[in-house]
């Protein structure tokens, strides 16, 4: 199996460390409306996505105290596909959504943390 390695470097002072994965998603969420005109609505359904990019970004102070930034593009053993359940609730011109992935964030054969993502947000 592939291995994802996390290392600690003693001569730098880290400020930000993150991993980003961008997916192209489609969803099927039947929605039920209540009330007239801009009424309350609620929907439940499924979604799926394909990873179109991923990168890590690290901001740190080097041993001289200078600010540095490092960005690396790679797959990082991130699962290329994702799917799961989606719930939406809305009123007037905006919706709130909640996604629960049924797939793990990293590939199954990678020696990496077992993470199941949850996503939420606002749609205008």
N, C-alpha and C. Protein backbone atom coordinates (compact mmCIF):
# COMPACT_ATOMS: atom_id res chain seq x y z
N UNK A 1 0.82 -1.20 0.00
CA UNK A 1 0.00 0.00 0.00
C UNK A 1 0.86 1.27 0.00
N UNK A 2 0.30 2.31 -0.54
CA UNK A 2 0.97 3.61 -0.54
C UNK A 2 0.93 4.21 0.85
N UNK A 3 1.88 5.08 1.12
CA UNK A 3 1.95 5.68 2.45
C UNK A 3 1.99 7.18 2.32
N UNK A 4 1.22 7.85 3.14
CA UNK A 4 1.20 9.30 3.23
C UNK A 4 2.01 9.67 4.46
N UNK A 5 3.09 10.44 4.27
CA UNK A 5 4.01 10.73 5.36
C UNK A 5 3.86 12.17 5.83
N UNK A 6 3.70 12.34 7.12
CA UNK A 6 3.66 13.66 7.74
C UNK A 6 4.96 13.83 8.52
N UNK A 7 5.69 14.91 8.25
CA UNK A 7 6.97 15.13 8.92
C UNK A 7 6.95 16.46 9.66
N UNK A 8 7.73 16.53 10.71
CA UNK A 8 7.88 17.75 11.48
C UNK A 8 9.29 18.27 11.27
N UNK A 9 9.41 19.56 10.91
CA UNK A 9 10.72 20.17 10.69
C UNK A 9 10.99 21.11 11.86
N UNK A 10 12.11 20.88 12.55
CA UNK A 10 12.39 21.59 13.81
C UNK A 10 12.84 23.03 13.62
N UNK A 11 13.47 23.37 12.48
CA UNK A 11 14.05 24.71 12.34
C UNK A 11 13.12 25.74 11.69
N UNK A 12 11.83 25.42 11.57
CA UNK A 12 10.87 26.41 11.07
C UNK A 12 9.70 26.53 12.04
N UNK A 13 9.02 27.65 11.99
CA UNK A 13 7.86 27.87 12.85
C UNK A 13 6.62 27.96 11.96
N UNK A 14 5.80 26.93 11.98
CA UNK A 14 4.62 26.86 11.11
C UNK A 14 3.52 27.80 11.54
N UNK A 15 2.85 28.40 10.55
CA UNK A 15 1.72 29.28 10.81
C UNK A 15 0.44 28.71 10.23
N UNK A 16 0.48 28.17 9.00
CA UNK A 16 -0.69 27.60 8.33
C UNK A 16 -0.26 26.34 7.60
N UNK A 17 -1.06 25.30 7.72
CA UNK A 17 -0.84 24.07 6.97
C UNK A 17 -2.21 23.52 6.60
N UNK A 18 -2.48 23.41 5.29
CA UNK A 18 -3.79 22.91 4.89
C UNK A 18 -3.69 22.10 3.61
N UNK A 19 -4.69 21.26 3.41
CA UNK A 19 -4.81 20.48 2.19
C UNK A 19 -6.15 20.83 1.56
N UNK A 20 -6.14 21.08 0.26
CA UNK A 20 -7.33 21.48 -0.49
C UNK A 20 -7.62 20.44 -1.56
N UNK A 21 -8.89 20.07 -1.71
CA UNK A 21 -9.30 19.19 -2.79
C UNK A 21 -10.51 19.82 -3.46
N UNK A 22 -10.46 19.96 -4.79
CA UNK A 22 -11.54 20.56 -5.56
C UNK A 22 -12.24 19.46 -6.35
N UNK A 23 -13.56 19.39 -6.20
CA UNK A 23 -14.37 18.38 -6.87
C UNK A 23 -15.38 19.03 -7.79
N UNK A 24 -15.70 18.37 -8.88
CA UNK A 24 -16.82 18.72 -9.74
C UNK A 24 -17.96 17.82 -9.31
N UNK A 25 -19.03 18.42 -8.77
CA UNK A 25 -20.12 17.66 -8.17
C UNK A 25 -21.41 17.78 -8.97
N UNK A 26 -22.22 16.74 -8.89
CA UNK A 26 -23.60 16.76 -9.36
C UNK A 26 -24.46 16.24 -8.22
N UNK A 27 -25.66 16.78 -8.12
CA UNK A 27 -26.55 16.30 -7.07
C UNK A 27 -27.98 16.17 -7.59
N UNK A 28 -28.68 15.26 -6.98
CA UNK A 28 -30.10 15.03 -7.27
C UNK A 28 -30.83 15.15 -5.94
N UNK A 29 -31.53 16.27 -5.77
CA UNK A 29 -32.21 16.55 -4.50
C UNK A 29 -33.66 16.95 -4.79
N UNK A 30 -34.61 16.00 -4.74
CA UNK A 30 -36.01 16.39 -4.86
C UNK A 30 -36.38 17.34 -3.72
N UNK A 31 -37.05 18.43 -4.06
CA UNK A 31 -37.37 19.47 -3.09
C UNK A 31 -38.88 19.62 -2.96
N UNK A 32 -39.34 19.75 -1.74
CA UNK A 32 -40.76 19.95 -1.45
C UNK A 32 -40.95 21.36 -0.92
N UNK A 33 -41.89 22.10 -1.53
CA UNK A 33 -42.15 23.48 -1.11
C UNK A 33 -43.42 23.55 -0.29
N UNK A 34 -43.38 24.43 0.70
CA UNK A 34 -44.53 24.65 1.56
C UNK A 34 -44.87 26.13 1.54
N UNK A 35 -46.11 26.47 1.37
CA UNK A 35 -46.51 27.88 1.36
C UNK A 35 -46.55 28.43 -0.05
N UNK A 36 -47.03 29.63 -0.18
CA UNK A 36 -47.17 30.27 -1.48
C UNK A 36 -45.99 31.18 -1.76
N UNK A 37 -45.70 31.37 -3.03
CA UNK A 37 -44.66 32.27 -3.51
C UNK A 37 -43.28 31.87 -3.00
N UNK A 38 -42.61 32.66 -2.17
CA UNK A 38 -41.24 32.37 -1.72
C UNK A 38 -41.26 31.59 -0.41
N UNK A 39 -41.98 30.49 -0.39
CA UNK A 39 -42.17 29.73 0.83
C UNK A 39 -40.99 28.89 1.23
N UNK A 40 -41.18 28.22 2.31
CA UNK A 40 -40.20 27.32 2.89
C UNK A 40 -40.08 26.07 2.01
N UNK A 41 -38.86 25.55 1.84
CA UNK A 41 -38.65 24.32 1.06
C UNK A 41 -37.61 23.44 1.76
N UNK A 42 -37.76 22.15 1.53
CA UNK A 42 -36.84 21.18 2.11
C UNK A 42 -36.62 20.07 1.09
N UNK A 43 -35.39 19.54 1.05
CA UNK A 43 -35.08 18.48 0.11
C UNK A 43 -34.03 17.52 0.64
N UNK A 44 -34.13 16.27 0.21
CA UNK A 44 -33.16 15.24 0.56
C UNK A 44 -32.80 14.48 -0.70
N UNK A 45 -31.53 14.11 -0.84
CA UNK A 45 -31.12 13.39 -2.03
C UNK A 45 -29.70 12.87 -1.94
N UNK A 46 -29.10 12.69 -3.11
CA UNK A 46 -27.76 12.13 -3.20
C UNK A 46 -26.89 13.03 -4.08
N UNK A 47 -25.59 12.85 -3.98
CA UNK A 47 -24.67 13.60 -4.82
C UNK A 47 -23.43 12.75 -5.10
N UNK A 48 -22.70 13.15 -6.11
CA UNK A 48 -21.44 12.49 -6.44
C UNK A 48 -20.48 13.51 -7.02
N UNK A 49 -19.21 13.22 -6.95
CA UNK A 49 -18.22 14.16 -7.45
C UNK A 49 -16.94 13.48 -7.90
N UNK A 50 -16.19 14.21 -8.74
CA UNK A 50 -14.90 13.76 -9.24
C UNK A 50 -13.86 14.83 -8.93
N UNK A 51 -12.74 14.42 -8.34
CA UNK A 51 -11.69 15.37 -7.96
C UNK A 51 -11.00 15.90 -9.22
N UNK A 52 -10.97 17.23 -9.35
CA UNK A 52 -10.31 17.86 -10.50
C UNK A 52 -9.00 18.54 -10.11
N UNK A 53 -8.69 18.57 -8.82
CA UNK A 53 -7.43 19.15 -8.39
C UNK A 53 -7.25 19.04 -6.89
N UNK A 54 -5.99 19.08 -6.45
CA UNK A 54 -5.70 19.08 -5.01
C UNK A 54 -4.30 19.66 -4.81
N UNK A 55 -4.14 20.33 -3.67
CA UNK A 55 -2.84 20.89 -3.34
C UNK A 55 -2.73 21.10 -1.83
N UNK A 56 -1.48 21.21 -1.37
CA UNK A 56 -1.23 21.58 0.02
C UNK A 56 -0.63 22.98 0.01
N UNK A 57 -0.85 23.69 1.11
CA UNK A 57 -0.29 25.03 1.27
C UNK A 57 0.24 25.14 2.69
N UNK A 58 1.48 25.59 2.79
CA UNK A 58 2.10 25.79 4.10
C UNK A 58 2.69 27.19 4.16
N UNK A 59 2.38 27.89 5.23
CA UNK A 59 3.00 29.20 5.51
C UNK A 59 3.79 29.03 6.79
N UNK A 60 5.04 29.52 6.77
CA UNK A 60 5.90 29.33 7.93
C UNK A 60 6.96 30.42 7.98
N UNK A 61 7.58 30.53 9.14
CA UNK A 61 8.73 31.41 9.32
C UNK A 61 9.98 30.52 9.32
N UNK A 62 10.94 30.84 8.45
CA UNK A 62 12.16 30.03 8.39
C UNK A 62 13.04 30.34 9.60
N UNK A 63 14.22 29.73 9.66
CA UNK A 63 15.08 29.90 10.83
C UNK A 63 15.65 31.30 10.96
N UNK A 64 15.55 32.13 9.89
CA UNK A 64 15.96 33.54 9.96
C UNK A 64 14.80 34.45 10.34
N UNK A 65 13.60 33.89 10.50
CA UNK A 65 12.42 34.67 10.85
C UNK A 65 11.69 35.24 9.64
N UNK A 66 12.12 34.89 8.43
CA UNK A 66 11.47 35.36 7.21
C UNK A 66 10.23 34.52 6.91
N UNK A 67 9.17 35.20 6.44
CA UNK A 67 7.94 34.50 6.10
C UNK A 67 8.10 33.77 4.77
N UNK A 68 7.68 32.53 4.74
CA UNK A 68 7.78 31.69 3.56
C UNK A 68 6.43 31.06 3.26
N UNK A 69 6.22 30.70 2.00
CA UNK A 69 5.00 30.01 1.59
C UNK A 69 5.38 28.90 0.63
N UNK A 70 4.82 27.73 0.83
CA UNK A 70 5.11 26.57 -0.01
C UNK A 70 3.79 25.96 -0.45
N UNK A 71 3.61 25.78 -1.78
CA UNK A 71 2.39 25.20 -2.32
C UNK A 71 2.79 24.04 -3.24
N UNK A 72 2.20 22.87 -3.01
CA UNK A 72 2.52 21.67 -3.78
C UNK A 72 1.23 21.09 -4.35
N UNK A 73 1.22 20.88 -5.68
CA UNK A 73 0.07 20.23 -6.33
C UNK A 73 0.40 18.77 -6.55
N UNK A 74 -0.52 17.90 -6.10
CA UNK A 74 -0.35 16.45 -6.24
C UNK A 74 -1.68 15.80 -5.88
N UNK A 75 -1.76 14.48 -6.03
CA UNK A 75 -3.00 13.78 -5.66
C UNK A 75 -3.05 13.48 -4.16
N UNK A 76 -1.90 13.33 -3.51
CA UNK A 76 -1.78 13.07 -2.07
C UNK A 76 -2.63 11.89 -1.62
N UNK A 77 -2.87 10.94 -2.51
CA UNK A 77 -3.68 9.74 -2.21
C UNK A 77 -5.11 10.10 -1.82
N UNK A 78 -5.60 11.24 -2.30
CA UNK A 78 -6.98 11.64 -2.04
C UNK A 78 -7.88 10.86 -2.98
N UNK A 79 -8.98 10.35 -2.46
CA UNK A 79 -9.93 9.58 -3.24
C UNK A 79 -10.42 10.41 -4.43
N UNK A 80 -10.31 9.92 -5.68
CA UNK A 80 -10.73 10.72 -6.84
C UNK A 80 -12.25 10.84 -6.98
N UNK A 81 -13.01 9.95 -6.38
CA UNK A 81 -14.47 10.00 -6.46
C UNK A 81 -15.05 10.15 -5.07
N UNK A 82 -16.19 10.80 -4.99
CA UNK A 82 -16.91 10.86 -3.72
C UNK A 82 -18.40 10.83 -4.02
N UNK A 83 -19.16 10.35 -3.06
CA UNK A 83 -20.62 10.33 -3.17
C UNK A 83 -21.20 10.27 -1.77
N UNK A 84 -22.46 10.65 -1.64
CA UNK A 84 -23.07 10.64 -0.34
C UNK A 84 -24.47 11.19 -0.35
N UNK A 85 -24.95 11.53 0.84
CA UNK A 85 -26.29 12.07 1.03
C UNK A 85 -26.24 13.57 1.16
N UNK A 86 -27.32 14.23 0.72
CA UNK A 86 -27.40 15.69 0.77
C UNK A 86 -28.77 16.09 1.29
N UNK A 87 -28.77 17.09 2.17
CA UNK A 87 -30.02 17.67 2.68
C UNK A 87 -29.98 19.18 2.42
N UNK A 88 -31.11 19.74 2.02
CA UNK A 88 -31.22 21.18 1.78
C UNK A 88 -32.47 21.70 2.43
N UNK A 89 -32.36 22.91 2.96
CA UNK A 89 -33.53 23.61 3.49
C UNK A 89 -33.40 25.06 3.05
N UNK A 90 -34.51 25.65 2.60
CA UNK A 90 -34.42 27.00 2.07
C UNK A 90 -35.64 27.84 2.37
N UNK A 91 -35.42 29.13 2.21
CA UNK A 91 -36.47 30.12 2.38
C UNK A 91 -36.14 31.30 1.47
N UNK A 92 -37.10 31.75 0.71
CA UNK A 92 -36.96 32.91 -0.15
C UNK A 92 -35.81 32.72 -1.16
N UNK A 93 -34.71 33.45 -1.04
CA UNK A 93 -33.66 33.44 -2.07
C UNK A 93 -32.41 32.66 -1.66
N UNK A 94 -32.42 31.94 -0.55
CA UNK A 94 -31.21 31.19 -0.17
C UNK A 94 -31.56 29.82 0.40
N UNK A 95 -30.60 28.92 0.30
CA UNK A 95 -30.73 27.57 0.85
C UNK A 95 -29.52 27.27 1.72
N UNK A 96 -29.71 26.43 2.69
CA UNK A 96 -28.63 25.86 3.49
C UNK A 96 -28.51 24.40 3.07
N UNK A 97 -27.28 23.89 2.93
CA UNK A 97 -27.11 22.49 2.55
C UNK A 97 -26.15 21.80 3.50
N UNK A 98 -26.27 20.48 3.54
CA UNK A 98 -25.42 19.62 4.37
C UNK A 98 -25.13 18.36 3.58
N UNK A 99 -23.85 18.05 3.35
CA UNK A 99 -23.43 16.83 2.64
C UNK A 99 -22.74 15.89 3.61
N UNK A 100 -23.07 14.62 3.52
CA UNK A 100 -22.39 13.58 4.29
C UNK A 100 -21.81 12.57 3.30
N UNK A 101 -20.48 12.52 3.21
CA UNK A 101 -19.81 11.59 2.29
C UNK A 101 -19.92 10.16 2.79
N UNK A 102 -20.15 9.24 1.86
CA UNK A 102 -20.10 7.81 2.18
C UNK A 102 -18.73 7.23 1.84
N UNK A 103 -17.90 8.02 1.17
CA UNK A 103 -16.53 7.60 0.83
C UNK A 103 -15.55 8.29 1.77
N UNK A 104 -14.41 7.64 1.99
CA UNK A 104 -13.37 8.25 2.82
C UNK A 104 -12.57 9.25 2.00
N UNK A 105 -11.96 10.22 2.68
CA UNK A 105 -11.21 11.29 2.02
C UNK A 105 -9.98 10.75 1.30
N UNK A 106 -9.21 9.88 1.95
CA UNK A 106 -8.02 9.30 1.34
C UNK A 106 -8.35 7.94 0.73
N UNK A 107 -7.55 7.54 -0.27
CA UNK A 107 -7.74 6.23 -0.91
C UNK A 107 -7.71 5.13 0.14
N UNK A 108 -8.44 4.07 -0.15
CA UNK A 108 -8.53 2.96 0.79
C UNK A 108 -7.19 2.26 1.00
N UNK A 109 -6.36 2.19 -0.06
CA UNK A 109 -5.08 1.49 0.05
C UNK A 109 -3.95 2.36 0.59
N UNK A 110 -4.22 3.63 0.87
CA UNK A 110 -3.19 4.52 1.42
C UNK A 110 -3.12 4.36 2.94
N UNK A 111 -1.89 4.40 3.45
CA UNK A 111 -1.72 4.38 4.90
C UNK A 111 -1.86 5.84 5.35
N UNK A 112 -3.07 6.21 5.70
CA UNK A 112 -3.41 7.60 6.03
C UNK A 112 -4.57 7.59 7.01
N UNK A 113 -4.85 8.72 7.63
CA UNK A 113 -6.00 8.78 8.55
C UNK A 113 -7.30 8.43 7.84
N UNK A 114 -8.21 7.77 8.54
CA UNK A 114 -9.53 7.43 8.02
C UNK A 114 -10.47 8.59 8.31
N UNK A 115 -10.76 9.39 7.28
CA UNK A 115 -11.60 10.57 7.44
C UNK A 115 -12.81 10.47 6.52
N UNK A 116 -13.98 10.77 7.05
CA UNK A 116 -15.21 10.82 6.27
C UNK A 116 -15.70 12.26 6.30
N UNK A 117 -15.55 12.99 5.18
CA UNK A 117 -15.89 14.43 5.17
C UNK A 117 -17.38 14.72 5.34
N UNK A 118 -17.62 15.86 5.95
CA UNK A 118 -18.94 16.47 6.09
C UNK A 118 -18.80 17.89 5.56
N UNK A 119 -19.72 18.31 4.70
CA UNK A 119 -19.66 19.63 4.10
C UNK A 119 -21.00 20.35 4.34
N UNK A 120 -20.94 21.64 4.61
CA UNK A 120 -22.17 22.43 4.75
C UNK A 120 -21.92 23.83 4.24
N UNK A 121 -22.99 24.51 3.87
CA UNK A 121 -22.82 25.86 3.34
C UNK A 121 -24.13 26.52 2.99
N UNK A 122 -24.02 27.65 2.29
CA UNK A 122 -25.15 28.47 1.90
C UNK A 122 -25.17 28.58 0.38
N UNK A 123 -26.36 28.52 -0.21
CA UNK A 123 -26.55 28.71 -1.65
C UNK A 123 -27.42 29.95 -1.83
N UNK A 124 -26.94 30.90 -2.64
CA UNK A 124 -27.74 32.11 -2.93
C UNK A 124 -28.33 32.03 -4.31
